Amino acid sequence: MKFNVPDMSCGHCVAAIEKAVKAVDTSANVACDLDTHVVEIGTSAGQETITAALRDAGYDASPL
């Protein structure tokens, strides 16, 4: 699944997003593209769960 995360702008943001996703699913694959502000996540967790985890980490994420 892919998310638009407009506030993602640096390596710290990437680390925080990865940490938030891994807290929900330790086996998730997370790929962040800072140029396009897109996060691609391979996970067995549901989209709503991942969206909530990203928002709890302080990022306004919207599914693409």
C-alpha atoms as a PDB file:
ATOM      1  CA  MET A   1       0.000   0.000   0.000  1.00  0.00           C
ATOM      2  CA  LYS A   2       1.136   3.544  -0.669  1.00  0.00           C
ATOM      3  CA  PHE A   3       0.637   6.726   1.321  1.00  0.00           C
ATOM      4  CA  ASN A   4       1.193  10.390   0.622  1.00  0.00           C
ATOM      5  CA  VAL A   5       3.011  11.931   3.589  1.00  0.00           C
ATOM      6  CA  PRO A   6       3.484  15.634   2.757  1.00  0.00           C
ATOM      7  CA  ASP A   7       5.317  16.464   6.011  1.00  0.00           C
ATOM      8  CA  MET A   8       8.049  13.836   5.442  1.00  0.00           C
ATOM      9  CA  SER A   9      11.162  15.854   4.655  1.00  0.00           C
ATOM     10  CA  CYS A  10      14.299  14.280   6.165  1.00  0.00           C
ATOM     11  CA  GLY A  11      16.018  11.172   7.449  1.00  0.00           C
ATOM     12  CA  HIS A  12      14.531  11.669  10.905  1.00  0.00           C
ATOM     13  CA  CYS A  13      11.058  11.586   9.374  1.00  0.00           C
ATOM     14  CA  VAL A  14      11.893   8.357   7.538  1.00  0.00           C
ATOM     15  CA  ALA A  15      13.157   6.755  10.767  1.00  0.00           C
ATOM     16  CA  ALA A  16      10.061   7.848  12.696  1.00  0.00           C
ATOM     17  CA  ILE A  17       7.755   6.480   9.999  1.00  0.00           C
ATOM     18  CA  GLU A  18       9.619   3.170   9.860  1.00  0.00           C
ATOM     19  CA  LYS A  19       9.467   2.896  13.656  1.00  0.00           C
ATOM     20  CA  ALA A  20       5.727   3.598  13.707  1.00  0.00           C
ATOM     21  CA  VAL A  21       5.004   0.977  11.052  1.00  0.00           C
ATOM     22  CA  LYS A  22       7.285  -1.624  12.659  1.00  0.00           C
ATOM     23  CA  ALA A  23       5.483  -1.091  15.985  1.00  0.00           C
ATOM     24  CA  VAL A  24       2.332  -2.388  14.267  1.00  0.00           C
ATOM     25  CA  ASP A  25       3.983  -5.066  12.098  1.00  0.00           C
ATOM     26  CA  THR A  26       7.602  -6.025  12.823  1.00  0.00           C
ATOM     27  CA  SER A  27       7.907  -7.803   9.464  1.00  0.00           C
ATOM     28  CA  ALA A  28       6.669  -4.856   7.377  1.00  0.00           C
ATOM     29  CA  ASN A  29       8.741  -3.514   4.493  1.00  0.00           C
ATOM     30  CA  VAL A  30       8.889   0.278   4.380  1.00  0.00           C
ATOM     31  CA  ALA A  31      10.223   2.349   1.471  1.00  0.00           C
ATOM     32  CA  CYS A  32      10.184   6.138   1.764  1.00  0.00           C
ATOM     33  CA  ASP A  33      10.743   8.534  -1.141  1.00  0.00           C
ATOM     34  CA  LEU A  34      11.551  11.985   0.222  1.00  0.00           C
ATOM     35  CA  ASP A  35      11.329  13.634  -3.209  1.00  0.00           C
ATOM     36  CA  THR A  36       7.733  12.573  -3.862  1.00  0.00           C
ATOM     37  CA  HIS A  37       6.657  12.271  -0.175  1.00  0.00           C
ATOM     38  CA  VAL A  38       5.399   8.752  -0.872  1.00  0.00           C
ATOM     39  CA  VAL A  39       5.738   5.859   1.550  1.00  0.00           C
ATOM     40  CA  GLU A  40       5.257   2.338   0.212  1.00  0.00           C
ATOM     41  CA  ILE A  41       4.533  -0.290   2.842  1.00  0.00           C
ATOM     42  CA  GLY A  42       4.361  -4.040   2.470  1.00  0.00           C
ATOM     43  CA  THR A  43       2.429  -5.335   5.447  1.00  0.00           C
ATOM     44  CA  SER A  44      -0.269  -7.712   6.556  1.00  0.00           C
ATOM     45  CA  ALA A  45      -1.776  -4.946   8.722  1.00  0.00           C
ATOM     46  CA  GLY A  46      -4.835  -3.134   7.434  1.00  0.00           C
ATOM     47  CA  GLN A  47      -4.725   0.261   5.785  1.00  0.00           C
ATOM     48  CA  GLU A  48      -6.634   1.923   8.619  1.00  0.00           C
ATOM     49  CA  THR A  49      -4.198   0.497  11.179  1.00  0.00           C
ATOM     50  CA  ILE A  50      -1.179   1.819   9.283  1.00  0.00           C
ATOM     51  CA  THR A  51      -2.818   5.203   8.711  1.00  0.00           C
ATOM     52  CA  ALA A  52      -3.528   5.478  12.450  1.00  0.00           C
ATOM     53  CA  ALA A  53       0.069   4.520  13.313  1.00  0.00           C
ATOM     54  CA  LEU A  54       1.439   7.186  10.979  1.00  0.00           C
ATOM     55  CA  ARG A  55      -0.917   9.820  12.370  1.00  0.00           C
ATOM     56  CA  ASP A  56      -0.009   8.837  15.941  1.00  0.00           C
ATOM     57  CA  ALA A  57       3.639   9.414  14.969  1.00  0.00           C
ATOM     58  CA  GLY A  58       2.695  12.950  13.896  1.00  0.00           C
ATOM     59  CA  TYR A  59       2.370  12.503  10.132  1.00  0.00           C
ATOM     60  CA  ASP A  60      -0.767  13.356   8.177  1.00  0.00           C
ATOM     61  CA  ALA A  61      -0.794  10.367   5.838  1.00  0.00           C
ATOM     62  CA  SER A  62      -3.373   9.743   3.152  1.00  0.00           C
ATOM     63  CA  PRO A  63      -3.661   6.510   1.166  1.00  0.00           C
ATOM     64  CA  LEU A  64      -2.874   6.634  -2.546  1.00  0.00           C
END
